Amino acid sequence: MSLNITYILKCNDWTFYTWSTNNLEKRLLQHNNNKSWARYTKIRRPVELVYFEEFEILNEARIRENQIKKLSRKQKIELIENKSKT
């Protein structure tokens, strides 16, 4: 069974991009290399994976994605820093 992942990317302009996928490796390649994928990150390359959470159910990943998108920049940074400490 593949896991569903909610992730945060740090873009080259220091903004954050949050999304969900069931194939993180493929999505990272698309964000950094594909000419027609992810318009937001396309002009902010390179992007770096700074945070992710895994879920068994896609809907749970999407709910978490929406929660993270509503966080302030400061809250996202705290989330990223706290995850890296564990």
C-alpha atoms as a PDB file:
ATOM      1  CA  MET A   1       0.000   0.000   0.000  1.00  0.00           C
ATOM      2  CA  SER A   2       1.368   3.400  -0.947  1.00  0.00           C
ATOM      3  CA  LEU A   3       1.279   6.162   1.600  1.00  0.00           C
ATOM      4  CA  ASN A   4      -0.191   9.568   0.942  1.00  0.00           C
ATOM      5  CA  ILE A   5       2.092  12.415   1.828  1.00  0.00           C
ATOM      6  CA  THR A   6       1.490  16.051   2.667  1.00  0.00           C
ATOM      7  CA  TYR A   7       4.657  18.024   2.094  1.00  0.00           C
ATOM      8  CA  ILE A   8       6.158  21.496   2.274  1.00  0.00           C
ATOM      9  CA  LEU A   9       8.744  22.746  -0.181  1.00  0.00           C
ATOM     10  CA  LYS A  10      10.986  25.731   0.388  1.00  0.00           C
ATOM     11  CA  CYS A  11      11.289  27.636  -2.859  1.00  0.00           C
ATOM     12  CA  ASN A  12      14.307  29.565  -4.091  1.00  0.00           C
ATOM     13  CA  ASP A  13      12.606  32.851  -3.111  1.00  0.00           C
ATOM     14  CA  TRP A  14      12.110  31.512   0.461  1.00  0.00           C
ATOM     15  CA  THR A  15       8.353  31.038   0.051  1.00  0.00           C
ATOM     16  CA  PHE A  16       6.679  27.760   0.958  1.00  0.00           C
ATOM     17  CA  TYR A  17       4.586  25.470  -1.222  1.00  0.00           C
ATOM     18  CA  THR A  18       2.323  22.826   0.350  1.00  0.00           C
ATOM     19  CA  TRP A  19       0.620  19.948  -1.429  1.00  0.00           C
ATOM     20  CA  SER A  20      -0.257  16.240  -1.154  1.00  0.00           C
ATOM     21  CA  THR A  21       0.758  13.241  -3.255  1.00  0.00           C
ATOM     22  CA  ASN A  22       1.059   9.479  -3.213  1.00  0.00           C
ATOM     23  CA  ASN A  23       4.449   9.587  -4.975  1.00  0.00           C
ATOM     24  CA  LEU A  24       6.741  12.138  -3.365  1.00  0.00           C
ATOM     25  CA  GLU A  25       9.848  11.257  -5.360  1.00  0.00           C
ATOM     26  CA  LYS A  26       8.018  11.754  -8.667  1.00  0.00           C
ATOM     27  CA  ARG A  27       6.500  15.042  -7.507  1.00  0.00           C
ATOM     28  CA  LEU A  28       9.859  16.434  -6.399  1.00  0.00           C
ATOM     29  CA  LEU A  29      11.282  15.670  -9.832  1.00  0.00           C
ATOM     30  CA  GLN A  30       8.308  17.388 -11.435  1.00  0.00           C
ATOM     31  CA  HIS A  31       8.655  20.455  -9.248  1.00  0.00           C
ATOM     32  CA  ASN A  32      12.329  20.857 -10.082  1.00  0.00           C
ATOM     33  CA  ASN A  33      12.474  19.664 -13.696  1.00  0.00           C
ATOM     34  CA  ASN A  34       9.166  19.487 -15.533  1.00  0.00           C
ATOM     35  CA  LYS A  35       8.491  22.415 -17.855  1.00  0.00           C
ATOM     36  CA  SER A  36       4.726  22.334 -17.557  1.00  0.00           C
ATOM     37  CA  TRP A  37       4.106  21.244 -13.967  1.00  0.00           C
ATOM     38  CA  ALA A  38       3.350  23.243 -10.829  1.00  0.00           C
ATOM     39  CA  ARG A  39       3.328  26.804 -12.106  1.00  0.00           C
ATOM     40  CA  TYR A  40       4.062  28.229  -8.640  1.00  0.00           C
ATOM     41  CA  THR A  41       7.277  26.271  -8.153  1.00  0.00           C
ATOM     42  CA  LYS A  42       8.299  26.402 -11.812  1.00  0.00           C
ATOM     43  CA  ILE A  43       9.422  30.022 -11.474  1.00  0.00           C
ATOM     44  CA  ARG A  44      10.892  29.509  -7.988  1.00  0.00           C
ATOM     45  CA  ARG A  45      13.336  26.678  -8.633  1.00  0.00           C
ATOM     46  CA  PRO A  46      15.165  24.969  -7.217  1.00  0.00           C
ATOM     47  CA  VAL A  47      12.803  23.790  -4.505  1.00  0.00           C
ATOM     48  CA  GLU A  48      13.788  21.798  -1.443  1.00  0.00           C
ATOM     49  CA  LEU A  49      11.702  19.363   0.578  1.00  0.00           C
ATOM     50  CA  VAL A  50      11.679  20.664   4.159  1.00  0.00           C
ATOM     51  CA  TYR A  51       8.749  18.829   5.732  1.00  0.00           C
ATOM     52  CA  PHE A  52       6.383  15.915   5.173  1.00  0.00           C
ATOM     53  CA  GLU A  53       3.770  13.818   6.950  1.00  0.00           C
ATOM     54  CA  GLU A  54       2.503  10.386   5.887  1.00  0.00           C
ATOM     55  CA  PHE A  55      -1.119   9.212   5.890  1.00  0.00           C
ATOM     56  CA  GLU A  56      -2.817   5.969   4.923  1.00  0.00           C
ATOM     57  CA  ILE A  57      -5.895   7.749   3.547  1.00  0.00           C
ATOM     58  CA  LEU A  58      -5.638  10.410   0.830  1.00  0.00           C
ATOM     59  CA  ASN A  59      -8.438  12.478   2.328  1.00  0.00           C
ATOM     60  CA  GLU A  60      -6.488  12.740   5.601  1.00  0.00           C
ATOM     61  CA  ALA A  61      -3.470  14.037   3.694  1.00  0.00           C
ATOM     62  CA  ARG A  62      -5.634  16.610   1.895  1.00  0.00           C
ATOM     63  CA  ILE A  63      -7.202  17.764   5.158  1.00  0.00           C
ATOM     64  CA  ARG A  64      -3.744  18.227   6.659  1.00  0.00           C
ATOM     65  CA  GLU A  65      -2.600  20.044   3.516  1.00  0.00           C
ATOM     66  CA  ASN A  66      -5.422  22.558   3.938  1.00  0.00           C
ATOM     67  CA  GLN A  67      -4.603  22.996   7.628  1.00  0.00           C
ATOM     68  CA  ILE A  68      -0.965  23.749   6.816  1.00  0.00           C
ATOM     69  CA  LYS A  69      -1.899  26.174   4.029  1.00  0.00           C
ATOM     70  CA  LYS A  70      -3.864  28.219   6.574  1.00  0.00           C
ATOM     71  CA  LEU A  71      -0.842  28.592   8.876  1.00  0.00           C
ATOM     72  CA  SER A  72       1.143  31.801   8.931  1.00  0.00           C
ATOM     73  CA  ARG A  73       4.702  31.781   7.635  1.00  0.00           C
ATOM     74  CA  LYS A  74       5.979  31.862  11.225  1.00  0.00           C
ATOM     75  CA  GLN A  75       3.813  28.864  12.149  1.00  0.00           C
ATOM     76  CA  LYS A  76       5.073  26.925   9.119  1.00  0.00           C
ATOM     77  CA  ILE A  77       8.671  27.619  10.097  1.00  0.00           C
ATOM     78  CA  GLU A  78       7.942  26.413  13.641  1.00  0.00           C
ATOM     79  CA  LEU A  79       6.312  23.265  12.250  1.00  0.00           C
ATOM     80  CA  ILE A  80       9.345  22.569  10.071  1.00  0.00           C
ATOM     81  CA  GLU A  81      11.818  23.239  12.871  1.00  0.00           C
ATOM     82  CA  ASN A  82       9.921  21.104  15.396  1.00  0.00           C
ATOM     83  CA  LYS A  83       9.716  18.165  12.971  1.00  0.00           C
ATOM     84  CA  SER A  84      13.457  18.285  12.343  1.00  0.00           C
ATOM     85  CA  LYS A  85      14.109  18.024  16.096  1.00  0.00           C
ATOM     86  CA  THR A  86      12.269  14.704  16.377  1.00  0.00           C
END
